[in-house]
Amino acid sequence: MSEAGYRGAPAAPSTVLVTTSNEVVGYRIAAYLGVVRGVVVRSPSIGQGLVGAFKSIGGGNIEEWAQVCDAARQDAYLRMLHHAEQLGANAIIAMRYDATEFMQGATEVLAYGTAVRLER
């Protein structure tokens, strides 16, 4: 998924419910399908990097860098949903994000959780 894809990305599949909890009220877990993940590695563009560097001198929120982070999380989330769909899941429980500086100026963002099949 590209950053451009994020801005005009189709909505996340409505068939996969995602929660940070370990259960879904009103449903039982019929099958655990395994860990699903979506990984992206992002760095700011030259323009975002320059503007962000100047803004970092004054402190506060740096919107240019926040946009890079938001796009990376969204892309990782969509990749995780795709992985869950491939396994036949209708839900992801215990969903989390993790981010690690991959190298100077590039960050890995990981969205992960447990793919399950829910039943009423």
PDB file of N, CA and C in Angstrom:
ATOM      1  N   MET A   1       0.842  -1.162   0.000  1.00  0.00           N
ATOM      2  CA  MET A   1       0.000   0.000   0.000  1.00  0.00           C
ATOM      3  C   MET A   1       0.894   1.233   0.000  1.00  0.00           C
ATOM      4  N   SER A   2       0.591   2.168  -0.815  1.00  0.00           N
ATOM      5  CA  SER A   2       1.390   3.374  -0.871  1.00  0.00           C
ATOM      6  C   SER A   2       0.746   4.480  -0.066  1.00  0.00           C
ATOM      7  N   GLU A   3       1.525   5.531   0.221  1.00  0.00           N
ATOM      8  CA  GLU A   3       0.967   6.672   0.946  1.00  0.00           C
ATOM      9  C   GLU A   3      -0.154   7.293   0.138  1.00  0.00           C
ATOM     10  N   ALA A   4       0.011   7.346  -1.178  1.00  0.00           N
ATOM     11  CA  ALA A   4      -1.062   7.871  -2.024  1.00  0.00           C
ATOM     12  C   ALA A   4      -2.286   6.987  -1.906  1.00  0.00           C
ATOM     13  N   GLY A   5      -2.084   5.661  -1.799  1.00  0.00           N
ATOM     14  CA  GLY A   5      -3.183   4.731  -1.629  1.00  0.00           C
ATOM     15  C   GLY A   5      -3.922   4.968  -0.325  1.00  0.00           C
ATOM     16  N   TYR A   6      -3.204   5.388   0.698  1.00  0.00           N
ATOM     17  CA  TYR A   6      -3.823   5.658   1.994  1.00  0.00           C
ATOM     18  C   TYR A   6      -4.831   6.790   1.882  1.00  0.00           C
ATOM     19  N   ARG A   7      -4.447   7.861   1.229  1.00  0.00           N
ATOM     20  CA  ARG A   7      -5.319   9.029   1.148  1.00  0.00           C
ATOM     21  C   ARG A   7      -6.587   8.730   0.354  1.00  0.00           C
ATOM     22  N   GLY A   8      -6.479   7.880  -0.652  1.00  0.00           N
ATOM     23  CA  GLY A   8      -7.646   7.527  -1.439  1.00  0.00           C
ATOM     24  C   GLY A   8      -7.996   6.058  -1.291  1.00  0.00           C
ATOM     25  N   ALA A   9      -7.532   5.452  -0.201  1.00  0.00           N
ATOM     26  CA  ALA A   9      -7.702   4.011  -0.008  1.00  0.00           C
ATOM     27  C   ALA A   9      -9.163   3.645   0.176  1.00  0.00           C
ATOM     28  N   PRO A  10      -9.528   2.492  -0.330  1.00  0.00           N
ATOM     29  CA  PRO A  10     -10.881   2.019  -0.050  1.00  0.00           C
ATOM     30  C   PRO A  10     -11.020   1.785   1.448  1.00  0.00           C
ATOM     31  N   ALA A  11     -12.235   1.820   1.920  1.00  0.00           N
ATOM     32  CA  ALA A  11     -12.480   1.592   3.343  1.00  0.00           C
ATOM     33  C   ALA A  11     -11.988   0.204   3.728  1.00  0.00           C
ATOM     34  N   ALA A  12     -11.600   0.072   4.982  1.00  0.00           N
ATOM     35  CA  ALA A  12     -11.173  -1.221   5.485  1.00  0.00           C
ATOM     36  C   ALA A  12     -12.326  -2.210   5.335  1.00  0.00           C
ATOM     37  N   PRO A  13     -12.018  -3.469   5.039  1.00  0.00           N
ATOM     38  CA  PRO A  13     -13.078  -4.459   4.855  1.00  0.00           C
ATOM     39  C   PRO A  13     -14.010  -4.503   6.062  1.00  0.00           C
ATOM     40  N   SER A  14     -15.301  -4.446   5.800  1.00  0.00           N
ATOM     41  CA  SER A  14     -16.260  -4.428   6.907  1.00  0.00           C
ATOM     42  C   SER A  14     -16.515  -5.828   7.448  1.00  0.00           C
ATOM     43  N   THR A  15     -16.007  -6.850   6.796  1.00  0.00           N
ATOM     44  CA  THR A  15     -16.241  -8.223   7.235  1.00  0.00           C
ATOM     45  C   THR A  15     -15.310  -8.645   8.368  1.00  0.00           C
ATOM     46  N   VAL A  16     -14.270  -7.884   8.630  1.00  0.00           N
ATOM     47  CA  VAL A  16     -13.319  -8.236   9.687  1.00  0.00           C
ATOM     48  C   VAL A  16     -13.446  -7.228  10.820  1.00  0.00           C
ATOM     49  N   LEU A  17     -13.909  -7.697  11.960  1.00  0.00           N
ATOM     50  CA  LEU A  17     -14.012  -6.867  13.149  1.00  0.00           C
ATOM     51  C   LEU A  17     -12.645  -6.827  13.816  1.00  0.00           C
ATOM     52  N   VAL A  18     -12.219  -5.661  14.274  1.00  0.00           N
ATOM     53  CA  VAL A  18     -10.918  -5.531  14.926  1.00  0.00           C
ATOM     54  C   VAL A  18     -11.118  -4.912  16.304  1.00  0.00           C
ATOM     55  N   THR A  19     -10.507  -5.537  17.310  1.00  0.00           N
ATOM     56  CA  THR A  19     -10.594  -5.015  18.670  1.00  0.00           C
ATOM     57  C   THR A  19      -9.266  -5.203  19.395  1.00  0.00           C
ATOM     58  N   THR A  20      -9.007  -4.329  20.346  1.00  0.00           N
ATOM     59  CA  THR A  20      -7.811  -4.474  21.170  1.00  0.00           C
ATOM     60  C   THR A  20      -8.065  -5.398  22.353  1.00  0.00           C
ATOM     61  N   SER A  21      -9.319  -5.775  22.565  1.00  0.00           N
ATOM     62  CA  SER A  21      -9.637  -6.685  23.680  1.00  0.00           C
ATOM     63  C   SER A  21      -9.409  -8.136  23.256  1.00  0.00           C
ATOM     64  N   ASN A  22      -9.555  -9.041  24.216  1.00  0.00           N
ATOM     65  CA  ASN A  22      -9.338 -10.457  23.943  1.00  0.00           C
ATOM     66  C   ASN A  22     -10.631 -11.215  23.687  1.00  0.00           C
ATOM     67  N   GLU A  23     -11.750 -10.510  23.705  1.00  0.00           N
ATOM     68  CA  GLU A  23     -13.042 -11.140  23.439  1.00  0.00           C
ATOM     69  C   GLU A  23     -13.985 -10.106  22.840  1.00  0.00           C
ATOM     70  N   VAL A  24     -15.087 -10.608  22.292  1.00  0.00           N
ATOM     71  CA  VAL A  24     -16.109  -9.745  21.711  1.00  0.00           C
ATOM     72  C   VAL A  24     -17.428 -10.131  22.368  1.00  0.00           C
ATOM     73  N   VAL A  25     -18.022  -9.183  23.056  1.00  0.00           N
ATOM     74  CA  VAL A  25     -19.267  -9.449  23.780  1.00  0.00           C
ATOM     75  C   VAL A  25     -20.339  -9.939  22.810  1.00  0.00           C
ATOM     76  N   GLY A  26     -21.023 -11.015  23.196  1.00  0.00           N
ATOM     77  CA  GLY A  26     -22.086 -11.577  22.374  1.00  0.00           C
ATOM     78  C   GLY A  26     -21.609 -12.621  21.387  1.00  0.00           C
ATOM     79  N   TYR A  27     -20.300 -12.862  21.334  1.00  0.00           N
ATOM     80  CA  TYR A  27     -19.734 -13.848  20.414  1.00  0.00           C
ATOM     81  C   TYR A  27     -18.816 -14.781  21.187  1.00  0.00           C
ATOM     82  N   ARG A  28     -18.624 -15.966  20.626  1.00  0.00           N
ATOM     83  CA  ARG A  28     -17.612 -16.872  21.167  1.00  0.00           C
ATOM     84  C   ARG A  28     -16.577 -17.121  20.078  1.00  0.00           C
ATOM     85  N   ILE A  29     -15.380 -17.398  20.488  1.00  0.00           N
ATOM     86  CA  ILE A  29     -14.315 -17.688  19.535  1.00  0.00           C
ATOM     87  C   ILE A  29     -14.419 -19.153  19.146  1.00  0.00           C
ATOM     88  N   ALA A  30     -14.768 -19.406  17.887  1.00  0.00           N
ATOM     89  CA  ALA A  30     -14.928 -20.764  17.379  1.00  0.00           C
ATOM     90  C   ALA A  30     -13.590 -21.351  16.937  1.00  0.00           C
ATOM     91  N   ALA A  31     -12.675 -20.496  16.476  1.00  0.00           N
ATOM     92  CA  ALA A  31     -11.370 -20.980  16.008  1.00  0.00           C
ATOM     93  C   ALA A  31     -10.341 -19.859  16.087  1.00  0.00           C
ATOM     94  N   TYR A  32      -9.161 -20.232  16.550  1.00  0.00           N
ATOM     95  CA  TYR A  32      -8.010 -19.333  16.514  1.00  0.00           C
ATOM     96  C   TYR A  32      -7.233 -19.668  15.247  1.00  0.00           C
ATOM     97  N   LEU A  33      -7.005 -18.660  14.401  1.00  0.00           N
ATOM     98  CA  LEU A  33      -6.364 -18.906  13.114  1.00  0.00           C
ATOM     99  C   LEU A  33      -4.895 -18.499  13.089  1.00  0.00           C
ATOM    100  N   GLY A  34      -4.441 -17.814  14.116  1.00  0.00           N
ATOM    101  CA  GLY A  34      -3.035 -17.458  14.198  1.00  0.00           C
ATOM    102  C   GLY A  34      -2.805 -15.957  14.215  1.00  0.00           C
ATOM    103  N   VAL A  35      -1.553 -15.603  14.387  1.00  0.00           N
ATOM    104  CA  VAL A  35      -1.150 -14.198  14.412  1.00  0.00           C
ATOM    105  C   VAL A  35      -1.174 -13.650  12.999  1.00  0.00           C
ATOM    106  N   VAL A  36      -1.738 -12.451  12.859  1.00  0.00           N
ATOM    107  CA  VAL A  36      -1.716 -11.744  11.576  1.00  0.00           C
ATOM    108  C   VAL A  36      -0.949 -10.442  11.772  1.00  0.00           C
ATOM    109  N   ARG A  37      -0.325  -9.974  10.701  1.00  0.00           N
ATOM    110  CA  ARG A  37       0.468  -8.760  10.813  1.00  0.00           C
ATOM    111  C   ARG A  37       0.482  -7.994   9.507  1.00  0.00           C
ATOM    112  N   GLY A  38       0.779  -6.718   9.645  1.00  0.00           N
ATOM    113  CA  GLY A  38       1.012  -5.849   8.501  1.00  0.00           C
ATOM    114  C   GLY A  38       2.225  -5.011   8.840  1.00  0.00           C
ATOM    115  N   VAL A  39       3.196  -4.979   7.957  1.00  0.00           N
ATOM    116  CA  VAL A  39       4.449  -4.267   8.205  1.00  0.00           C
ATOM    117  C   VAL A  39       4.696  -3.259   7.092  1.00  0.00           C
ATOM    118  N   VAL A  40       5.069  -2.039   7.481  1.00  0.00           N
ATOM    119  CA  VAL A  40       5.529  -1.036   6.517  1.00  0.00           C
ATOM    120  C   VAL A  40       6.765  -0.353   7.098  1.00  0.00           C
ATOM    121  N   VAL A  41       7.607   0.131   6.232  1.00  0.00           N
ATOM    122  CA  VAL A  41       8.768   0.920   6.632  1.00  0.00           C
ATOM    123  C   VAL A  41       8.633   2.257   5.930  1.00  0.00           C
ATOM    124  N   ARG A  42       8.664   3.333   6.698  1.00  0.00           N
ATOM    125  CA  ARG A  42       8.430   4.669   6.153  1.00  0.00           C
ATOM    126  C   ARG A  42       9.523   5.631   6.557  1.00  0.00           C
ATOM    127  N   SER A  43       9.726   6.608   5.707  1.00  0.00           N
ATOM    128  CA  SER A  43      10.576   7.751   6.031  1.00  0.00           C
ATOM    129  C   SER A  43       9.901   8.984   5.445  1.00  0.00           C
ATOM    130  N   PRO A  44      10.149  10.156   6.023  1.00  0.00           N
ATOM    131  CA  PRO A  44       9.539  11.360   5.474  1.00  0.00           C
ATOM    132  C   PRO A  44      10.158  11.701   4.117  1.00  0.00           C
ATOM    133  N   SER A  45       9.378  12.371   3.283  1.00  0.00           N
ATOM    134  CA  SER A  45       9.919  12.858   2.009  1.00  0.00           C
ATOM    135  C   SER A  45      10.943  13.958   2.300  1.00  0.00           C
ATOM    136  N   ILE A  46      11.673  14.371   1.302  1.00  0.00           N
ATOM    137  CA  ILE A  46      12.667  15.436   1.489  1.00  0.00           C
ATOM    138  C   ILE A  46      11.991  16.691   2.027  1.00  0.00           C
ATOM    139  N   GLY A  47      10.848  17.040   1.444  1.00  0.00           N
ATOM    140  CA  GLY A  47      10.125  18.240   1.884  1.00  0.00           C
ATOM    141  C   GLY A  47       9.648  18.116   3.318  1.00  0.00           C
ATOM    142  N   GLN A  48       9.063  16.967   3.653  1.00  0.00           N
ATOM    143  CA  GLN A  48       8.592  16.757   5.025  1.00  0.00           C
ATOM    144  C   GLN A  48       9.758  16.778   6.000  1.00  0.00           C
ATOM    145  N   GLY A  49      10.869  16.208   5.600  1.00  0.00           N
ATOM    146  CA  GLY A  49      12.052  16.176   6.458  1.00  0.00           C
ATOM    147  C   GLY A  49      12.599  17.565   6.736  1.00  0.00           C
ATOM    148  N   LEU A  50      12.678  18.393   5.692  1.00  0.00           N
ATOM    149  CA  LEU A  50      13.210  19.752   5.866  1.00  0.00           C
ATOM    150  C   LEU A  50      12.281  20.614   6.714  1.00  0.00           C
ATOM    151  N   VAL A  51      10.998  20.603   6.381  1.00  0.00           N
ATOM    152  CA  VAL A  51      10.041  21.400   7.146  1.00  0.00           C
ATOM    153  C   VAL A  51      10.010  20.917   8.586  1.00  0.00           C
ATOM    154  N   GLY A  52       9.977  19.593   8.782  1.00  0.00           N
ATOM    155  CA  GLY A  52       9.953  19.029  10.124  1.00  0.00           C
ATOM    156  C   GLY A  52      11.192  19.388  10.922  1.00  0.00           C
ATOM    157  N   ALA A  53      12.358  19.382  10.274  1.00  0.00           N
ATOM    158  CA  ALA A  53      13.602  19.719  10.964  1.00  0.00           C
ATOM    159  C   ALA A  53      13.560  21.158  11.468  1.00  0.00           C
ATOM    160  N   PHE A  54      13.072  22.076  10.644  1.00  0.00           N
ATOM    161  CA  PHE A  54      12.965  23.470  11.080  1.00  0.00           C
ATOM    162  C   PHE A  54      11.949  23.617  12.212  1.00  0.00           C
ATOM    163  N   LYS A  55      10.819  22.927  12.112  1.00  0.00           N
ATOM    164  CA  LYS A  55       9.794  23.021  13.155  1.00  0.00           C
ATOM    165  C   LYS A  55      10.258  22.390  14.464  1.00  0.00           C
ATOM    166  N   SER A  56      11.129  21.391  14.390  1.00  0.00           N
ATOM    167  CA  SER A  56      11.582  20.715  15.611  1.00  0.00           C
ATOM    168  C   SER A  56      12.417  21.640  16.489  1.00  0.00           C
ATOM    169  N   ILE A  57      12.979  22.675  15.913  1.00  0.00           N
ATOM    170  CA  ILE A  57      13.769  23.634  16.688  1.00  0.00           C
ATOM    171  C   ILE A  57      12.882  24.349  17.705  1.00  0.00           C
ATOM    172  N   GLY A  58      11.650  24.659  17.283  1.00  0.00           N
ATOM    173  CA  GLY A  58      10.731  25.378  18.163  1.00  0.00           C
ATOM    174  C   GLY A  58       9.937  24.485  19.086  1.00  0.00           C
ATOM    175  N   GLY A  59       9.940  23.179  18.856  1.00  0.00           N
ATOM    176  CA  GLY A  59       9.180  22.252  19.692  1.00  0.00           C
ATOM    177  C   GLY A  59       7.729  22.172  19.272  1.00  0.00           C
ATOM    178  N   GLY A  60       6.981  21.316  19.934  1.00  0.00           N
ATOM    179  CA  GLY A  60       5.568  21.142  19.632  1.00  0.00           C
ATOM    180  C   GLY A  60       5.332  20.059  18.594  1.00  0.00           C
ATOM    181  N   ASN A  61       4.064  19.927  18.200  1.00  0.00           N
ATOM    182  CA  ASN A  61       3.687  18.914  17.216  1.00  0.00           C
ATOM    183  C   ASN A  61       4.243  19.281  15.840  1.00  0.00           C
ATOM    184  N   ILE A  62       4.759  18.302  15.151  1.00  0.00           N
ATOM    185  CA  ILE A  62       5.281  18.512  13.797  1.00  0.00           C
ATOM    186  C   ILE A  62       4.351  17.773  12.855  1.00  0.00           C
ATOM    187  N   GLU A  63       3.408  18.508  12.286  1.00  0.00           N
ATOM    188  CA  GLU A  63       2.334  17.917  11.489  1.00  0.00           C
ATOM    189  C   GLU A  63       2.859  17.107  10.304  1.00  0.00           C
ATOM    190  N   GLU A  64       3.929  17.552   9.665  1.00  0.00           N
ATOM    191  CA  GLU A  64       4.482  16.832   8.512  1.00  0.00           C
ATOM    192  C   GLU A  64       4.922  15.421   8.914  1.00  0.00           C
ATOM    193  N   TRP A  65       5.523  15.302  10.062  1.00  0.00           N
ATOM    194  CA  TRP A  65       5.967  13.988  10.524  1.00  0.00           C
ATOM    195  C   TRP A  65       4.790  13.172  11.047  1.00  0.00           C
ATOM    196  N   ALA A  66       3.809  13.843  11.649  1.00  0.00           N
ATOM    197  CA  ALA A  66       2.613  13.146  12.117  1.00  0.00           C
ATOM    198  C   ALA A  66       1.875  12.504  10.939  1.00  0.00           C
ATOM    199  N   GLN A  67       1.856  13.175   9.791  1.00  0.00           N
ATOM    200  CA  GLN A  67       1.215  12.620   8.590  1.00  0.00           C
ATOM    201  C   GLN A  67       1.917  11.356   8.127  1.00  0.00           C
ATOM    202  N   VAL A  68       3.241  11.333   8.184  1.00  0.00           N
ATOM    203  CA  VAL A  68       4.011  10.143   7.803  1.00  0.00           C
ATOM    204  C   VAL A  68       3.659   8.989   8.747  1.00  0.00           C
ATOM    205  N   CYS A  69       3.608   9.271  10.046  1.00  0.00           N
ATOM    206  CA  CYS A  69       3.279   8.242  11.034  1.00  0.00           C
ATOM    207  C   CYS A  69       1.863   7.714  10.840  1.00  0.00           C
ATOM    208  N   ASP A  70       0.916   8.618  10.604  1.00  0.00           N
ATOM    209  CA  ASP A  70      -0.477   8.212  10.416  1.00  0.00           C
ATOM    210  C   ASP A  70      -0.631   7.340   9.171  1.00  0.00           C
ATOM    211  N   ALA A  71       0.009   7.724   8.095  1.00  0.00           N
ATOM    212  CA  ALA A  71      -0.071   6.938   6.858  1.00  0.00           C
ATOM    213  C   ALA A  71       0.561   5.558   7.049  1.00  0.00           C
ATOM    214  N   ALA A  72       1.667   5.498   7.771  1.00  0.00           N
ATOM    215  CA  ALA A  72       2.323   4.205   8.024  1.00  0.00           C
ATOM    216  C   ALA A  72       1.428   3.290   8.853  1.00  0.00           C
ATOM    217  N   ARG A  73       0.794   3.822   9.878  1.00  0.00           N
ATOM    218  CA  ARG A  73      -0.103   3.003  10.698  1.00  0.00           C
ATOM    219  C   ARG A  73      -1.296   2.514   9.890  1.00  0.00           C
ATOM    220  N   GLN A  74      -1.865   3.390   9.075  1.00  0.00           N
ATOM    221  CA  GLN A  74      -3.026   2.994   8.260  1.00  0.00           C
ATOM    222  C   GLN A  74      -2.640   1.900   7.268  1.00  0.00           C
ATOM    223  N   ASP A  75      -1.505   2.048   6.618  1.00  0.00           N
ATOM    224  CA  ASP A  75      -1.065   1.031   5.663  1.00  0.00           C
ATOM    225  C   ASP A  75      -0.789  -0.301   6.359  1.00  0.00           C
ATOM    226  N   ALA A  76      -0.154  -0.257   7.530  1.00  0.00           N
ATOM    227  CA  ALA A  76       0.115  -1.490   8.278  1.00  0.00           C
ATOM    228  C   ALA A  76      -1.195  -2.145   8.693  1.00  0.00           C
ATOM    229  N   TYR A  77      -2.164  -1.350   9.121  1.00  0.00           N
ATOM    230  CA  TYR A  77      -3.483  -1.854   9.523  1.00  0.00           C
ATOM    231  C   TYR A  77      -4.176  -2.548   8.347  1.00  0.00           C
ATOM    232  N   LEU A  78      -4.175  -1.916   7.186  1.00  0.00           N
ATOM    233  CA  LEU A  78      -4.819  -2.511   6.011  1.00  0.00           C
ATOM    234  C   LEU A  78      -4.129  -3.802   5.583  1.00  0.00           C
ATOM    235  N   ARG A  79      -2.811  -3.850   5.693  1.00  0.00           N
ATOM    236  CA  ARG A  79      -2.082  -5.085   5.367  1.00  0.00           C
ATOM    237  C   ARG A  79      -2.443  -6.201   6.339  1.00  0.00           C
ATOM    238  N   MET A  80      -2.588  -5.839   7.627  1.00  0.00           N
ATOM    239  CA  MET A  80      -2.983  -6.826   8.624  1.00  0.00           C
ATOM    240  C   MET A  80      -4.380  -7.372   8.304  1.00  0.00           C
ATOM    241  N   LEU A  81      -5.322  -6.490   7.938  1.00  0.00           N
ATOM    242  CA  LEU A  81      -6.664  -6.930   7.570  1.00  0.00           C
ATOM    243  C   LEU A  81      -6.622  -7.885   6.385  1.00  0.00           C
ATOM    244  N   HIS A  82      -5.817  -7.568   5.393  1.00  0.00           N
ATOM    245  CA  HIS A  82      -5.680  -8.425   4.217  1.00  0.00           C
ATOM    246  C   HIS A  82      -5.160  -9.806   4.625  1.00  0.00           C
ATOM    247  N   HIS A  83      -4.167  -9.833   5.506  1.00  0.00           N
ATOM    248  CA  HIS A  83      -3.617 -11.102   5.984  1.00  0.00           C
ATOM    249  C   HIS A  83      -4.710 -11.918   6.679  1.00  0.00           C
ATOM    250  N   ALA A  84      -5.532 -11.261   7.517  1.00  0.00           N
ATOM    251  CA  ALA A  84      -6.620 -11.944   8.214  1.00  0.00           C
ATOM    252  C   ALA A  84      -7.639 -12.509   7.225  1.00  0.00           C
ATOM    253  N   GLU A  85      -7.971 -11.742   6.203  1.00  0.00           N
ATOM    254  CA  GLU A  85      -8.911 -12.221   5.185  1.00  0.00           C
ATOM    255  C   GLU A  85      -8.373 -13.457   4.487  1.00  0.00           C
ATOM    256  N   GLN A  86      -7.073 -13.475   4.204  1.00  0.00           N
ATOM    257  CA  GLN A  86      -6.457 -14.636   3.557  1.00  0.00           C
ATOM    258  C   GLN A  86      -6.601 -15.896   4.406  1.00  0.00           C
ATOM    259  N   LEU A  87      -6.627 -15.731   5.723  1.00  0.00           N
ATOM    260  CA  LEU A  87      -6.776 -16.885   6.626  1.00  0.00           C
ATOM    261  C   LEU A  87      -8.239 -17.261   6.850  1.00  0.00           C
ATOM    262  N   GLY A  88      -9.163 -16.457   6.337  1.00  0.00           N
ATOM    263  CA  GLY A  88     -10.581 -16.727   6.520  1.00  0.00           C
ATOM    264  C   GLY A  88     -11.135 -16.218   7.840  1.00  0.00           C
ATOM    265  N   ALA A  89     -10.467 -15.267   8.456  1.00  0.00           N
ATOM    266  CA  ALA A  89     -10.913 -14.719   9.736  1.00  0.00           C
ATOM    267  C   ALA A  89     -12.077 -13.755   9.541  1.00  0.00           C
ATOM    268  N   ASN A  90     -12.917 -13.661  10.558  1.00  0.00           N
ATOM    269  CA  ASN A  90     -13.934 -12.615  10.544  1.00  0.00           C
ATOM    270  C   ASN A  90     -13.700 -11.620  11.681  1.00  0.00           C
ATOM    271  N   ALA A  91     -12.588 -11.810  12.426  1.00  0.00           N
ATOM    272  CA  ALA A  91     -12.229 -10.864  13.477  1.00  0.00           C
ATOM    273  C   ALA A  91     -10.744 -10.964  13.803  1.00  0.00           C
ATOM    274  N   ILE A  92     -10.232  -9.879  14.371  1.00  0.00           N
ATOM    275  CA  ILE A  92      -8.874  -9.840  14.910  1.00  0.00           C
ATOM    276  C   ILE A  92      -9.010  -9.344  16.338  1.00  0.00           C
ATOM    277  N   ILE A  93      -8.500 -10.126  17.278  1.00  0.00           N
ATOM    278  CA  ILE A  93      -8.528  -9.718  18.677  1.00  0.00           C
ATOM    279  C   ILE A  93      -7.117  -9.353  19.122  1.00  0.00           C
ATOM    280  N   ALA A  94      -7.023  -8.638  20.237  1.00  0.00           N
ATOM    281  CA  ALA A  94      -5.740  -8.241  20.836  1.00  0.00           C
ATOM    282  C   ALA A  94      -4.861  -7.476  19.844  1.00  0.00           C
ATOM    283  N   MET A  95      -5.485  -6.626  19.027  1.00  0.00           N
ATOM    284  CA  MET A  95      -4.748  -5.860  18.019  1.00  0.00           C
ATOM    285  C   MET A  95      -3.845  -4.825  18.693  1.00  0.00           C
ATOM    286  N   ARG A  96      -2.626  -4.689  18.182  1.00  0.00           N
ATOM    287  CA  ARG A  96      -1.646  -3.734  18.700  1.00  0.00           C
ATOM    288  C   ARG A  96      -0.840  -3.145  17.546  1.00  0.00           C
ATOM    289  N   TYR A  97      -0.182  -2.017  17.847  1.00  0.00           N
ATOM    290  CA  TYR A  97       0.802  -1.424  16.953  1.00  0.00           C
ATOM    291  C   TYR A  97       2.151  -1.453  17.649  1.00  0.00           C
ATOM    292  N   ASP A  98       3.205  -1.525  16.854  1.00  0.00           N
ATOM    293  CA  ASP A  98       4.560  -1.401  17.368  1.00  0.00           C
ATOM    294  C   ASP A  98       5.343  -0.620  16.325  1.00  0.00           C
ATOM    295  N   ALA A  99       6.272   0.193  16.775  1.00  0.00           N
ATOM    296  CA  ALA A  99       7.110   0.964  15.848  1.00  0.00           C
ATOM    297  C   ALA A  99       8.552   0.897  16.321  1.00  0.00           C
ATOM    298  N   THR A 100       9.453   0.738  15.366  1.00  0.00           N
ATOM    299  CA  THR A 100      10.881   0.655  15.655  1.00  0.00           C
ATOM    300  C   THR A 100      11.630   1.463  14.614  1.00  0.00           C
ATOM    301  N   GLU A 101      12.608   2.234  15.066  1.00  0.00           N
ATOM    302  CA  GLU A 101      13.440   2.939  14.099  1.00  0.00           C
ATOM    303  C   GLU A 101      14.294   1.899  13.382  1.00  0.00           C
ATOM    304  N   PHE A 102      14.053   1.751  12.092  1.00  0.00           N
ATOM    305  CA  PHE A 102      14.725   0.738  11.267  1.00  0.00           C
ATOM    306  C   PHE A 102      16.157   1.153  11.002  1.00  0.00           C
ATOM    307  N   MET A 103      16.323   2.389  10.649  1.00  0.00           N
ATOM    308  CA  MET A 103      17.615   3.041  10.462  1.00  0.00           C
ATOM    309  C   MET A 103      17.342   4.528  10.616  1.00  0.00           C
ATOM    310  N   GLN A 104      18.366   5.330  10.693  1.00  0.00           N
ATOM    311  CA  GLN A 104      18.134   6.754  10.899  1.00  0.00           C
ATOM    312  C   GLN A 104      17.234   7.304   9.793  1.00  0.00           C
ATOM    313  N   GLY A 105      16.096   7.852  10.197  1.00  0.00           N
ATOM    314  CA  GLY A 105      15.166   8.445   9.232  1.00  0.00           C
ATOM    315  C   GLY A 105      14.128   7.485   8.675  1.00  0.00           C
ATOM    316  N   ALA A 106      14.179   6.208   9.047  1.00  0.00           N
ATOM    317  CA  ALA A 106      13.194   5.227   8.557  1.00  0.00           C
ATOM    318  C   ALA A 106      12.658   4.425   9.733  1.00  0.00           C
ATOM    319  N   THR A 107      11.342   4.316   9.790  1.00  0.00           N
ATOM    320  CA  THR A 107      10.691   3.623  10.899  1.00  0.00           C
ATOM    321  C   THR A 107       9.836   2.475  10.387  1.00  0.00           C
ATOM    322  N   GLU A 108       9.947   1.334  11.053  1.00  0.00           N
ATOM    323  CA  GLU A 108       9.098   0.185  10.770  1.00  0.00           C
ATOM    324  C   GLU A 108       7.860   0.308  11.648  1.00  0.00           C
ATOM    325  N   VAL A 109       6.688   0.140  11.053  1.00  0.00           N
ATOM    326  CA  VAL A 109       5.442   0.112  11.807  1.00  0.00           C
ATOM    327  C   VAL A 109       4.809  -1.253  11.590  1.00  0.00           C
ATOM    328  N   LEU A 110       4.443  -1.890  12.695  1.00  0.00           N
ATOM    329  CA  LEU A 110       3.857  -3.218  12.675  1.00  0.00           C
ATOM    330  C   LEU A 110       2.477  -3.148  13.321  1.00  0.00           C
ATOM    331  N   ALA A 111       1.470  -3.626  12.618  1.00  0.00           N
ATOM    332  CA  ALA A 111       0.131  -3.820  13.180  1.00  0.00           C
ATOM    333  C   ALA A 111      -0.047  -5.325  13.295  1.00  0.00           C
ATOM    334  N   TYR A 112      -0.477  -5.802  14.463  1.00  0.00           N
ATOM    335  CA  TYR A 112      -0.606  -7.252  14.636  1.00  0.00           C
ATOM    336  C   TYR A 112      -1.725  -7.592  15.608  1.00  0.00           C
ATOM    337  N   GLY A 113      -2.178  -8.815  15.532  1.00  0.00           N
ATOM    338  CA  GLY A 113      -3.212  -9.317  16.418  1.00  0.00           C
ATOM    339  C   GLY A 113      -3.432 -10.783  16.146  1.00  0.00           C
ATOM    340  N   THR A 114      -4.466 -11.344  16.764  1.00  0.00           N
ATOM    341  CA  THR A 114      -4.803 -12.749  16.589  1.00  0.00           C
ATOM    342  C   THR A 114      -6.036 -12.871  15.733  1.00  0.00           C
ATOM    343  N   ALA A 115      -5.934 -13.570  14.618  1.00  0.00           N
ATOM    344  CA  ALA A 115      -7.068 -13.792  13.715  1.00  0.00           C
ATOM    345  C   ALA A 115      -7.926 -14.911  14.284  1.00  0.00           C
ATOM    346  N   VAL A 116      -9.228 -14.675  14.316  1.00  0.00           N
ATOM    347  CA  VAL A 116     -10.168 -15.675  14.853  1.00  0.00           C
ATOM    348  C   VAL A 116     -11.413 -15.758  13.980  1.00  0.00           C
ATOM    349  N   ARG A 117     -12.163 -16.835  14.193  1.00  0.00           N
ATOM    350  CA  ARG A 117     -13.517 -16.969  13.637  1.00  0.00           C
ATOM    351  C   ARG A 117     -14.465 -16.855  14.812  1.00  0.00           C
ATOM    352  N   LEU A 118     -15.380 -15.909  14.730  1.00  0.00           N
ATOM    353  CA  LEU A 118     -16.369 -15.700  15.786  1.00  0.00           C
ATOM    354  C   LEU A 118     -17.700 -16.321  15.395  1.00  0.00           C
ATOM    355  N   GLU A 119     -18.432 -16.760  16.427  1.00  0.00           N
ATOM    356  CA  GLU A 119     -19.804 -17.238  16.250  1.00  0.00           C
ATOM    357  C   GLU A 119     -20.664 -16.602  17.329  1.00  0.00           C
ATOM    358  N   ARG A 120     -21.936 -16.395  17.026  1.00  0.00           N
ATOM    359  CA  ARG A 120     -22.875 -15.859  18.045  1.00  0.00           C
ATOM    360  C   ARG A 120     -23.213 -16.926  19.051  1.00  0.00           C
TER     361      ARG A 120
END
